[in-house]
Amino acid sequence: MFNYKEEGVDSHGMKKIELNVNKIIIHTIIGLVLLTILFRSFGTIGAGERGVRTRFGAVIGNPIDSGLYFKLPFIERIIRIDIKTQKEQVNASAASKDLQIVNSSVALNYSLNPLKVGNLYKEIGVNYRERIIDPAIQESVKASTARFTAEELITRREDVKNDIKLHLSGRLEKLGIIVEDFSIVNFDFSKSFNDAIEAKVTAEQNALAAKNKLSQVEYEAKQSIEKAKGEAEAIRIQSIALQNNPQILQLEAIRKWDGKMPQVTGEAIPFINIIK
C-alpha cells in the first residue's frame, strides 16, 4: 500500500492535487468543445460551387457564393452544389414518323443556375440528374424523333438536334437547369432499314453513273454532228467555188504536178491547158 505519510504528503495536499487535476480536465473538455463549435461554425465554398443553407432540414436564405461562410453549429448545415458545366450521355429508344425503331446515343452539356440551386435542392434534392435530367432527355428524344421520318433523321440531323435541344430547354430551364449544348452521338436503325438505305444509295449512285455516261455519249455525238456539219459545209463551199471558177482545178493540178509528162501514145489532150 502507498502510504502518504511515508512519502511526506498528507491527505489535505492530496485533495488539492486531485482538485487541480479535475480543473485541468474540465478546462480541457471545455476548450475542446469550444474548438469543435468554432470549427463547425465556419467553412468555405469552392470555385464553381454554391452553398445551400438548411436549418433543421429546411432550406433558408439565398445560395451562398464561393468563399468563407458562417453557420450555427449543430443547427444549420451547408450543402455544396456544383454549378460548373457537366455532361450527361444516355441511350434512348424511340419511333420515327414512319414507325421505324431508332436507337439513339445523345449527350447533353448543362449547368445549374446559381440563383436557383436553393429551389432545385428544396424541390428535387441532389439526385436531380436521375430524377429530372435523364427522364427529360428520354421524353424529348421521343417527342422530336416522332416528328421526322427515319430518312429525315439522317438527312436533317441538325434540325433534329435543334428540335430536341429546344424541347429540353423548355423542360429544364424553368427548374434552374441551363441547357448549354446538345449533340446526337449516333443514330442506329434496324438491319432491314439499313439494308434498304444501302440499296437506295447504291441505286442512286448507279443512276448517277448512267446519267453521266449518257451525258458523255450525247456530248460526243454532238461533237461528231458538228464535225460532220463543218466538213459538209466545207465541201459545199468548195463545190460552189469550182462551179464558179473552173480554173481552180487546173491550178490545183499545177501545184501537184511533179514536172513529168504523162507517158501516153497516140493523140491525147494535155491534162493542163496552158492559157496564153
Protein backbone atom coordinates (compact mmCIF):
# COMPACT_ATOMS: atom_id res chain seq x y z
CA MET A 1 0.00 0.00 0.00
CA PHE A 2 1.08 3.51 -0.84
CA ASN A 3 1.46 5.49 2.34
CA TYR A 4 1.05 9.21 2.02
CA LYS A 5 2.70 9.79 5.33
CA GLU A 6 5.74 7.84 4.34
CA GLU A 7 6.06 9.93 1.19
CA GLY A 8 5.55 13.15 3.08
CA VAL A 9 2.17 14.03 1.53
CA ASP A 10 -0.81 14.50 3.83
CA SER A 11 -4.44 13.94 2.84
CA HIS A 12 -5.09 17.66 2.57
CA GLY A 13 -2.38 18.06 -0.07
CA MET A 14 -3.69 15.07 -1.99
CA LYS A 15 -7.10 16.61 -2.19
CA LYS A 16 -5.62 19.79 -3.64
CA ILE A 17 -3.82 17.81 -6.32
CA GLU A 18 -6.98 15.94 -7.24
CA LEU A 19 -8.91 19.22 -7.40
CA ASN A 20 -6.31 20.76 -9.72
CA VAL A 21 -6.37 17.69 -11.98
CA ASN A 22 -10.15 17.84 -12.18
CA LYS A 23 -10.00 21.52 -13.11
CA ILE A 24 -7.48 20.78 -15.86
CA ILE A 25 -9.70 18.02 -17.23
CA ILE A 26 -12.78 20.23 -17.16
CA HIS A 27 -10.95 23.13 -18.81
CA THR A 28 -9.60 20.78 -21.46
CA ILE A 29 -13.06 19.42 -22.21
CA ILE A 30 -14.50 22.94 -22.38
CA GLY A 31 -11.68 24.00 -24.69
CA LEU A 32 -12.23 21.03 -26.98
CA VAL A 33 -15.96 21.76 -27.10
CA LEU A 34 -15.30 25.40 -27.93
CA LEU A 35 -12.80 24.44 -30.64
CA THR A 36 -15.29 21.97 -32.07
CA ILE A 37 -18.01 24.62 -32.12
CA LEU A 38 -15.62 27.09 -33.70
CA PHE A 39 -14.53 24.71 -36.46
CA ARG A 40 -18.12 23.67 -37.12
CA SER A 41 -19.21 27.31 -37.40
CA PHE A 42 -17.02 28.21 -40.37
CA GLY A 43 -16.34 26.68 -43.77
CA THR A 44 -15.59 27.53 -47.38
CA ILE A 45 -17.43 27.16 -50.69
CA GLY A 46 -15.12 26.30 -53.59
CA ALA A 47 -14.97 27.96 -57.01
CA GLY A 48 -17.70 26.66 -59.31
CA GLU A 49 -19.93 25.81 -56.34
CA ARG A 50 -22.82 27.34 -54.43
CA GLY A 51 -23.92 26.57 -50.88
CA VAL A 52 -27.49 25.82 -49.81
CA ARG A 53 -28.16 26.61 -46.14
CA THR A 54 -30.55 24.34 -44.24
CA ARG A 55 -31.78 24.71 -40.65
CA PHE A 56 -33.23 21.60 -39.10
CA GLY A 57 -33.52 20.23 -42.66
CA ALA A 58 -35.41 23.23 -44.14
CA VAL A 59 -33.81 25.38 -46.83
CA ILE A 60 -33.37 29.00 -45.72
CA GLY A 61 -31.88 32.13 -47.26
CA ASN A 62 -30.22 32.66 -50.62
CA PRO A 63 -27.49 30.45 -52.10
CA ILE A 64 -24.04 31.12 -50.63
CA ASP A 65 -21.36 32.32 -53.03
CA SER A 66 -17.87 30.81 -53.14
CA GLY A 67 -15.64 31.82 -50.22
CA LEU A 68 -15.85 31.76 -46.40
CA TYR A 69 -19.20 31.27 -44.67
CA PHE A 70 -20.55 31.12 -41.09
CA LYS A 71 -23.30 28.85 -39.83
CA LEU A 72 -24.86 27.96 -36.50
CA PRO A 73 -23.24 24.73 -35.35
CA PHE A 74 -25.38 21.65 -34.81
CA ILE A 75 -28.39 23.58 -36.09
CA GLU A 76 -27.51 24.60 -39.63
CA ARG A 77 -25.96 22.64 -42.46
CA ILE A 78 -24.41 23.83 -45.75
CA ILE A 79 -24.97 21.68 -48.86
CA ARG A 80 -22.42 22.26 -51.63
CA ILE A 81 -23.89 22.24 -55.16
CA ASP A 82 -21.70 22.05 -58.29
CA ILE A 83 -22.66 24.73 -60.84
CA LYS A 84 -19.89 24.03 -63.38
CA THR A 85 -20.70 22.66 -66.85
CA GLN A 86 -21.44 18.97 -66.68
CA LYS A 87 -22.10 16.29 -69.29
CA GLU A 88 -24.79 13.61 -69.35
CA GLN A 89 -24.78 10.97 -72.10
CA VAL A 90 -27.64 8.48 -72.36
CA ASN A 91 -29.09 5.94 -74.77
CA ALA A 92 -32.67 6.48 -75.91
CA SER A 93 -35.05 4.39 -77.99
CA ALA A 94 -37.88 5.95 -80.00
CA ALA A 95 -40.09 5.50 -83.07
CA SER A 96 -39.80 7.74 -86.13
CA LYS A 97 -42.72 9.28 -88.00
CA ASP A 98 -42.78 6.30 -90.39
CA LEU A 99 -42.69 3.89 -87.39
CA GLN A 100 -39.04 2.87 -87.68
CA ILE A 101 -37.39 1.99 -84.36
CA VAL A 102 -34.45 4.33 -83.71
CA ASN A 103 -31.84 3.71 -81.02
CA SER A 104 -30.01 6.95 -80.26
CA SER A 105 -26.98 7.91 -78.23
CA VAL A 106 -27.21 11.56 -77.18
CA ALA A 107 -25.17 13.91 -74.99
CA LEU A 108 -26.28 16.97 -73.01
CA ASN A 109 -23.99 19.69 -71.65
CA TYR A 110 -25.68 21.59 -68.83
CA SER A 111 -25.06 23.72 -65.76
CA LEU A 112 -27.15 24.87 -62.80
CA ASN A 113 -28.49 28.39 -62.46
CA PRO A 114 -26.62 29.78 -59.42
CA LEU A 115 -29.69 31.73 -58.33
CA LYS A 116 -31.97 28.69 -58.35
CA VAL A 117 -29.87 26.00 -56.69
CA GLY A 118 -31.81 26.51 -53.45
CA ASN A 119 -35.16 25.81 -55.09
CA LEU A 120 -33.68 22.88 -57.03
CA TYR A 121 -32.38 21.31 -53.84
CA LYS A 122 -35.64 22.00 -51.99
CA GLU A 123 -37.88 20.57 -54.73
CA ILE A 124 -35.69 17.84 -56.22
CA GLY A 125 -32.69 17.21 -53.97
CA VAL A 126 -29.15 16.33 -55.01
CA ASN A 127 -30.32 13.48 -57.28
CA TYR A 128 -31.65 15.88 -59.92
CA ARG A 129 -29.72 14.08 -62.67
CA GLU A 130 -31.54 10.78 -62.21
CA ARG A 131 -34.88 12.33 -61.27
CA ILE A 132 -35.10 15.18 -63.79
CA ILE A 133 -32.41 15.29 -66.49
CA ASP A 134 -32.41 11.67 -67.69
CA PRO A 135 -36.23 11.41 -67.98
CA ALA A 136 -36.35 14.80 -69.74
CA ILE A 137 -33.79 13.62 -72.32
CA GLN A 138 -35.73 10.41 -72.95
CA GLU A 139 -39.02 12.27 -73.42
CA SER A 140 -37.51 14.99 -75.63
CA VAL A 141 -35.84 12.45 -77.90
CA LYS A 142 -39.09 10.51 -78.28
CA ALA A 143 -41.14 13.66 -78.97
CA SER A 144 -38.72 15.05 -81.57
CA THR A 145 -37.98 11.71 -83.27
CA ALA A 146 -41.69 11.17 -83.87
CA ARG A 147 -41.79 14.38 -85.97
CA PHE A 148 -39.31 13.09 -88.58
CA THR A 149 -39.15 10.08 -90.85
CA ALA A 150 -36.23 7.71 -90.46
CA GLU A 151 -34.62 9.08 -93.61
CA GLU A 152 -35.07 12.67 -92.40
CA LEU A 153 -33.35 11.78 -89.13
CA ILE A 154 -30.26 11.15 -91.25
CA THR A 155 -30.57 13.89 -93.86
CA ARG A 156 -31.83 16.57 -91.43
CA ARG A 157 -29.71 15.70 -88.43
CA GLU A 158 -29.07 19.35 -87.48
CA ASP A 159 -32.80 20.12 -87.47
CA VAL A 160 -33.46 17.07 -85.28
CA LYS A 161 -30.73 18.15 -82.85
CA ASN A 162 -32.08 21.69 -82.56
CA ASP A 163 -35.62 20.41 -82.04
CA ILE A 164 -34.55 18.15 -79.17
CA LYS A 165 -32.45 20.94 -77.62
CA LEU A 166 -35.41 23.35 -77.77
CA HIS A 167 -37.69 20.78 -76.15
CA LEU A 168 -35.14 20.12 -73.39
CA SER A 169 -34.64 23.82 -72.69
CA GLY A 170 -38.37 24.29 -72.20
CA ARG A 171 -38.49 21.50 -69.63
CA LEU A 172 -35.27 22.03 -67.67
CA GLU A 173 -34.56 25.76 -67.52
CA LYS A 174 -37.69 26.55 -65.51
CA LEU A 175 -36.24 24.23 -62.85
CA GLY A 176 -32.90 26.03 -62.85
CA ILE A 177 -31.01 23.67 -65.19
CA ILE A 178 -29.40 25.53 -68.11
CA VAL A 179 -29.09 23.62 -71.40
CA GLU A 180 -25.75 24.73 -72.88
CA ASP A 181 -25.38 22.28 -75.76
CA PHE A 182 -26.89 19.09 -77.11
CA SER A 183 -25.46 16.62 -79.60
CA ILE A 184 -26.55 13.41 -81.28
CA VAL A 185 -23.68 10.95 -80.91
CA ASN A 186 -25.24 8.23 -83.03
CA PHE A 187 -28.44 7.00 -84.70
CA ASP A 188 -28.90 3.25 -85.08
CA PHE A 189 -31.72 1.68 -87.11
CA SER A 190 -32.93 -1.86 -87.69
CA LYS A 191 -30.98 -4.13 -90.05
CA SER A 192 -33.80 -4.15 -92.61
CA PHE A 193 -33.88 -0.36 -92.74
CA ASN A 194 -30.10 -0.13 -93.01
CA ASP A 195 -30.20 -2.63 -95.90
CA ALA A 196 -32.93 -0.60 -97.62
CA ILE A 197 -30.93 2.62 -97.25
CA GLU A 198 -27.82 0.93 -98.61
CA ALA A 199 -29.76 -0.43 -101.61
CA LYS A 200 -31.24 3.01 -102.28
CA VAL A 201 -27.85 4.69 -102.11
CA THR A 202 -26.39 2.07 -104.45
CA ALA A 203 -29.26 2.58 -106.92
CA GLU A 204 -28.82 6.34 -106.82
CA GLN A 205 -25.10 6.00 -107.42
CA ASN A 206 -25.68 3.66 -110.36
CA ALA A 207 -28.30 6.01 -111.81
CA LEU A 208 -25.91 8.93 -111.46
CA ALA A 209 -23.15 6.95 -113.18
CA ALA A 210 -25.52 6.04 -116.02
CA LYS A 211 -26.62 9.65 -116.34
CA ASN A 212 -23.03 10.81 -116.51
CA LYS A 213 -22.28 8.15 -119.16
CA LEU A 214 -25.30 9.23 -121.21
CA SER A 215 -24.22 12.84 -120.96
CA GLN A 216 -20.78 11.85 -122.21
CA VAL A 217 -22.26 9.91 -125.15
CA GLU A 218 -24.57 12.82 -126.02
CA TYR A 219 -21.65 15.20 -125.88
CA GLU A 220 -19.54 13.03 -128.15
CA ALA A 221 -22.46 12.62 -130.57
CA LYS A 222 -22.96 16.37 -130.71
CA GLN A 223 -19.26 16.81 -131.38
CA SER A 224 -19.44 14.32 -134.25
CA ILE A 225 -22.52 16.04 -135.69
CA GLU A 226 -20.88 19.44 -135.51
CA LYS A 227 -17.74 18.00 -137.12
CA ALA A 228 -19.78 16.43 -139.95
CA LYS A 229 -21.68 19.68 -140.47
CA GLY A 230 -18.39 21.51 -140.73
CA GLU A 231 -16.99 19.07 -143.26
CA ALA A 232 -20.20 19.19 -145.32
CA GLU A 233 -20.15 22.96 -145.29
CA ALA A 234 -16.53 22.93 -146.45
CA ILE A 235 -17.39 20.60 -149.33
CA ARG A 236 -20.34 22.76 -150.29
CA ILE A 237 -18.18 25.87 -150.37
CA GLN A 238 -15.55 24.11 -152.45
CA SER A 239 -18.20 22.87 -154.89
CA ILE A 240 -19.60 26.35 -155.37
CA ALA A 241 -16.10 27.71 -155.84
CA LEU A 242 -15.31 25.11 -158.54
CA GLN A 243 -18.52 25.80 -160.37
CA ASN A 244 -17.80 29.49 -160.48
CA ASN A 245 -14.05 29.15 -161.17
CA PRO A 246 -13.10 26.07 -163.31
CA GLN A 247 -9.52 27.32 -163.42
CA ILE A 248 -9.14 26.27 -159.77
CA LEU A 249 -8.84 22.63 -160.87
CA GLN A 250 -6.06 23.46 -163.27
CA LEU A 251 -4.33 25.50 -160.57
CA GLU A 252 -4.54 22.58 -158.15
CA ALA A 253 -3.15 20.25 -160.86
CA ILE A 254 -0.22 22.59 -161.47
CA ARG A 255 0.53 22.71 -157.74
CA LYS A 256 0.55 18.93 -157.51
CA TRP A 257 2.41 18.29 -160.87
CA ASP A 258 5.83 16.70 -160.40
CA GLY A 259 7.19 18.08 -163.74
CA LYS A 260 6.92 14.83 -165.70
CA MET A 261 4.77 14.48 -168.82
CA PRO A 262 2.28 11.65 -168.89
CA GLN A 263 3.52 8.52 -170.70
CA VAL A 264 0.72 8.28 -173.32
CA THR A 265 0.89 7.23 -177.00
CA GLY A 266 -1.44 8.43 -179.66
CA GLU A 267 -3.49 11.51 -179.69
CA ALA A 268 -4.36 12.90 -176.33
CA ILE A 269 -5.46 16.08 -174.81
CA PRO A 270 -2.92 17.56 -172.42
CA PHE A 271 -4.08 17.42 -168.79
CA ILE A 272 -3.09 21.07 -168.48
CA ASN A 273 -4.36 23.71 -170.79
CA ILE A 274 -1.81 26.47 -170.86
CA ILE A 275 -3.60 29.72 -171.36
CA LYS A 276 -1.67 32.16 -173.36
